[in-house]
């Protein structure tokens, strides 16, 4: 949703009015805190995701393509982490010894200094929209560039998903190794 500065101010003031009324008997359908946070943190795309039935789709401060890419990366990392955690200890140990695997696979986040939009979207999805809860409480600042790595990993992840059928369940050790190595080659 593309908004002017004046519209943002109006939305913030209305959100505060709604918050004040919620303390009483009035309960509206709009989450005023969500509206305020989306405006404060410049995540206009979040309105399209959370309230598309009310306001439709439009441009936003952070491009919707960035939000989609981050959601894809978080989905991939969710599969990677969950798959690794479900493996036997012996299989985990053997994966850790493979060339290109450094410790337990875990989503390190985005570079807060150089990948600010990606970093901000990831935090917003988790902290303000309640999505990808497995990443809640994490710093999500990798302190090093990560987008190119995640893009390469995601290409391999999507190839595996397509090959196995979307929603085919957890990844096996070979899949994990292939995804992690794709990221290391980027």
Protein backbone atom coordinates (compact mmCIF):
# COMPACT_ATOMS: atom_id res chain seq x y z
CA UNK A 1 0.00 0.00 0.00
CA UNK A 2 1.55 3.29 -1.08
CA UNK A 3 0.75 6.08 1.35
CA UNK A 4 1.63 9.74 1.51
CA UNK A 5 3.16 11.24 4.63
CA UNK A 6 -0.19 12.87 5.48
CA UNK A 7 -2.05 9.58 5.05
CA UNK A 8 0.47 7.87 7.32
CA UNK A 9 -0.13 10.48 10.01
CA UNK A 10 -3.89 10.08 9.68
CA UNK A 11 -3.61 6.30 9.88
CA UNK A 12 -1.42 6.54 12.98
CA UNK A 13 -3.84 8.89 14.68
CA UNK A 14 -6.80 6.66 13.82
CA UNK A 15 -4.90 3.62 15.08
CA UNK A 16 -4.31 5.40 18.38
CA UNK A 17 -8.00 6.27 18.62
CA UNK A 18 -8.88 2.61 18.04
CA UNK A 19 -6.36 1.50 20.66
CA UNK A 20 -7.92 3.88 23.16
CA UNK A 21 -11.40 2.62 22.40
CA UNK A 22 -10.32 -0.99 22.79
CA UNK A 23 -9.55 -0.22 26.42
CA UNK A 24 -13.29 0.36 26.76
CA UNK A 25 -16.11 -1.65 25.22
CA UNK A 26 -15.43 -0.96 21.55
CA UNK A 27 -13.68 -3.78 19.72
CA UNK A 28 -12.88 -3.02 16.10
CA UNK A 29 -11.81 -5.34 13.33
CA UNK A 30 -8.54 -3.55 12.59
CA UNK A 31 -5.49 -4.34 14.72
CA UNK A 32 -4.40 -0.81 15.59
CA UNK A 33 -1.02 -1.92 16.94
CA UNK A 34 -0.29 -3.77 13.71
CA UNK A 35 -1.21 -0.65 11.68
CA UNK A 36 1.08 1.54 13.78
CA UNK A 37 3.98 -0.90 13.61
CA UNK A 38 3.65 -1.38 9.86
CA UNK A 39 3.78 2.39 9.35
CA UNK A 40 6.53 3.09 11.89
CA UNK A 41 8.78 0.37 10.48
CA UNK A 42 7.91 1.20 6.84
CA UNK A 43 6.33 -2.13 5.98
CA UNK A 44 3.46 -1.08 3.74
CA UNK A 45 3.62 -4.48 2.03
CA UNK A 46 2.38 -6.03 5.29
CA UNK A 47 -1.06 -4.48 4.76
CA UNK A 48 -1.37 -6.42 1.50
CA UNK A 49 -0.52 -9.65 3.33
CA UNK A 50 -2.55 -9.09 6.48
CA UNK A 51 -5.51 -7.04 5.24
CA UNK A 52 -5.78 -7.64 1.51
CA UNK A 53 -9.51 -8.26 1.81
CA UNK A 54 -9.96 -4.74 3.17
CA UNK A 55 -7.56 -2.57 1.21
CA UNK A 56 -6.52 -4.48 -1.90
CA UNK A 57 -3.01 -4.60 -3.35
CA UNK A 58 -0.75 -1.65 -4.13
CA UNK A 59 2.88 -0.49 -4.03
CA UNK A 60 4.65 -0.16 -0.69
CA UNK A 61 7.73 1.32 0.99
CA UNK A 62 9.51 -2.03 1.10
CA UNK A 63 8.90 -3.73 -2.26
CA UNK A 64 6.53 -6.69 -2.11
CA UNK A 65 9.13 -8.68 -4.07
CA UNK A 66 11.54 -8.34 -1.14
CA UNK A 67 8.85 -9.53 1.28
CA UNK A 68 8.12 -12.53 -0.96
CA UNK A 69 11.80 -13.37 -1.26
CA UNK A 70 12.29 -13.19 2.52
CA UNK A 71 9.22 -15.40 3.07
CA UNK A 72 10.68 -17.91 0.60
CA UNK A 73 14.01 -17.86 2.43
CA UNK A 74 12.36 -18.31 5.82
CA UNK A 75 10.29 -21.20 4.50
CA UNK A 76 13.43 -22.86 3.13
CA UNK A 77 15.33 -22.37 6.39
CA UNK A 78 12.36 -23.72 8.31
CA UNK A 79 12.55 -26.94 6.28
CA UNK A 80 16.34 -27.10 6.61
CA UNK A 81 16.34 -26.67 10.39
CA UNK A 82 13.37 -28.94 11.03
CA UNK A 83 14.78 -31.66 8.78
CA UNK A 84 18.17 -31.55 10.48
CA UNK A 85 16.61 -31.62 13.96
CA UNK A 86 14.58 -34.72 13.07
CA UNK A 87 17.62 -36.70 11.92
CA UNK A 88 19.33 -39.23 14.15
CA UNK A 89 22.37 -38.09 16.11
CA UNK A 90 24.64 -40.25 13.97
CA UNK A 91 23.29 -38.74 10.76
CA UNK A 92 23.62 -35.22 12.18
CA UNK A 93 27.23 -35.94 13.16
CA UNK A 94 28.07 -37.28 9.70
CA UNK A 95 26.53 -34.18 8.06
CA UNK A 96 28.56 -31.87 10.30
CA UNK A 97 31.73 -33.58 9.02
CA UNK A 98 30.87 -33.01 5.36
CA UNK A 99 32.83 -30.40 3.44
CA UNK A 100 30.79 -27.21 3.26
CA UNK A 101 28.71 -27.87 6.38
CA UNK A 102 29.73 -25.79 9.38
CA UNK A 103 27.94 -26.90 12.54
CA UNK A 104 24.20 -27.33 12.81
CA UNK A 105 22.33 -25.66 9.93
CA UNK A 106 20.51 -22.65 11.39
CA UNK A 107 19.11 -19.45 9.89
CA UNK A 108 21.64 -16.74 10.76
CA UNK A 109 19.54 -13.84 9.45
CA UNK A 110 20.46 -11.01 7.10
CA UNK A 111 23.16 -8.36 7.26
CA UNK A 112 21.48 -5.52 9.15
CA UNK A 113 23.86 -2.95 7.65
CA UNK A 114 23.81 -3.96 3.99
CA UNK A 115 20.61 -5.98 3.60
CA UNK A 116 18.37 -3.71 5.63
CA UNK A 117 15.12 -4.35 3.78
CA UNK A 118 15.53 -8.13 3.99
CA UNK A 119 16.53 -7.92 7.66
CA UNK A 120 13.62 -5.63 8.49
CA UNK A 121 11.07 -7.77 6.63
CA UNK A 122 12.27 -10.94 8.39
CA UNK A 123 11.93 -9.30 11.80
CA UNK A 124 8.52 -7.87 10.89
CA UNK A 125 7.17 -11.20 9.65
CA UNK A 126 8.28 -12.94 12.84
CA UNK A 127 7.77 -10.26 15.50
CA UNK A 128 4.72 -8.35 14.26
CA UNK A 129 2.87 -10.80 12.04
CA UNK A 130 3.44 -13.98 14.05
CA UNK A 131 4.76 -15.92 11.07
CA UNK A 132 7.68 -18.34 11.16
CA UNK A 133 7.50 -18.56 14.94
CA UNK A 134 10.46 -20.93 15.07
CA UNK A 135 12.66 -17.88 14.45
CA UNK A 136 11.16 -15.78 17.27
CA UNK A 137 13.67 -14.49 19.78
CA UNK A 138 16.61 -14.67 17.38
CA UNK A 139 18.81 -11.69 16.60
CA UNK A 140 18.44 -12.24 12.83
CA UNK A 141 21.45 -10.01 12.11
CA UNK A 142 24.02 -12.22 10.40
CA UNK A 143 26.55 -9.36 10.30
CA UNK A 144 27.60 -10.55 6.84
CA UNK A 145 25.93 -10.54 3.42
CA UNK A 146 23.53 -13.47 3.07
CA UNK A 147 20.99 -12.72 0.32
CA UNK A 148 23.03 -14.17 -2.55
CA UNK A 149 23.70 -17.32 -0.51
CA UNK A 150 20.01 -17.75 0.33
CA UNK A 151 19.02 -17.18 -3.29
CA UNK A 152 21.35 -19.97 -4.43
CA UNK A 153 20.12 -22.25 -1.65
CA UNK A 154 16.50 -21.46 -2.49
CA UNK A 155 16.99 -22.39 -6.16
CA UNK A 156 18.24 -25.80 -5.04
CA UNK A 157 15.50 -26.11 -2.40
CA UNK A 158 12.77 -25.36 -4.98
CA UNK A 159 14.34 -27.81 -7.46
CA UNK A 160 14.20 -30.53 -4.80
CA UNK A 161 10.63 -29.60 -3.87
CA UNK A 162 9.55 -29.75 -7.51
CA UNK A 163 11.33 -33.07 -8.02
CA UNK A 164 9.82 -34.64 -4.89
CA UNK A 165 6.47 -32.91 -5.07
CA UNK A 166 5.59 -29.82 -3.08
CA UNK A 167 4.94 -30.60 0.55
CA UNK A 168 6.77 -33.93 0.31
CA UNK A 169 7.83 -33.64 3.93
CA UNK A 170 11.22 -33.34 5.52
CA UNK A 171 14.43 -33.19 3.55
CA UNK A 172 16.83 -36.12 3.66
CA UNK A 173 20.56 -35.82 4.33
CA UNK A 174 21.42 -35.67 0.63
CA UNK A 175 18.90 -32.88 0.07
CA UNK A 176 20.25 -30.90 3.01
CA UNK A 177 23.81 -31.29 1.86
CA UNK A 178 22.86 -30.22 -1.67
CA UNK A 179 21.07 -27.09 -0.40
CA UNK A 180 23.86 -26.10 1.99
CA UNK A 181 26.55 -26.61 -0.63
CA UNK A 182 24.58 -24.53 -3.14
CA UNK A 183 24.69 -21.70 -0.62
CA UNK A 184 28.39 -22.09 0.01
CA UNK A 185 29.10 -21.96 -3.74
CA UNK A 186 27.37 -18.60 -4.09
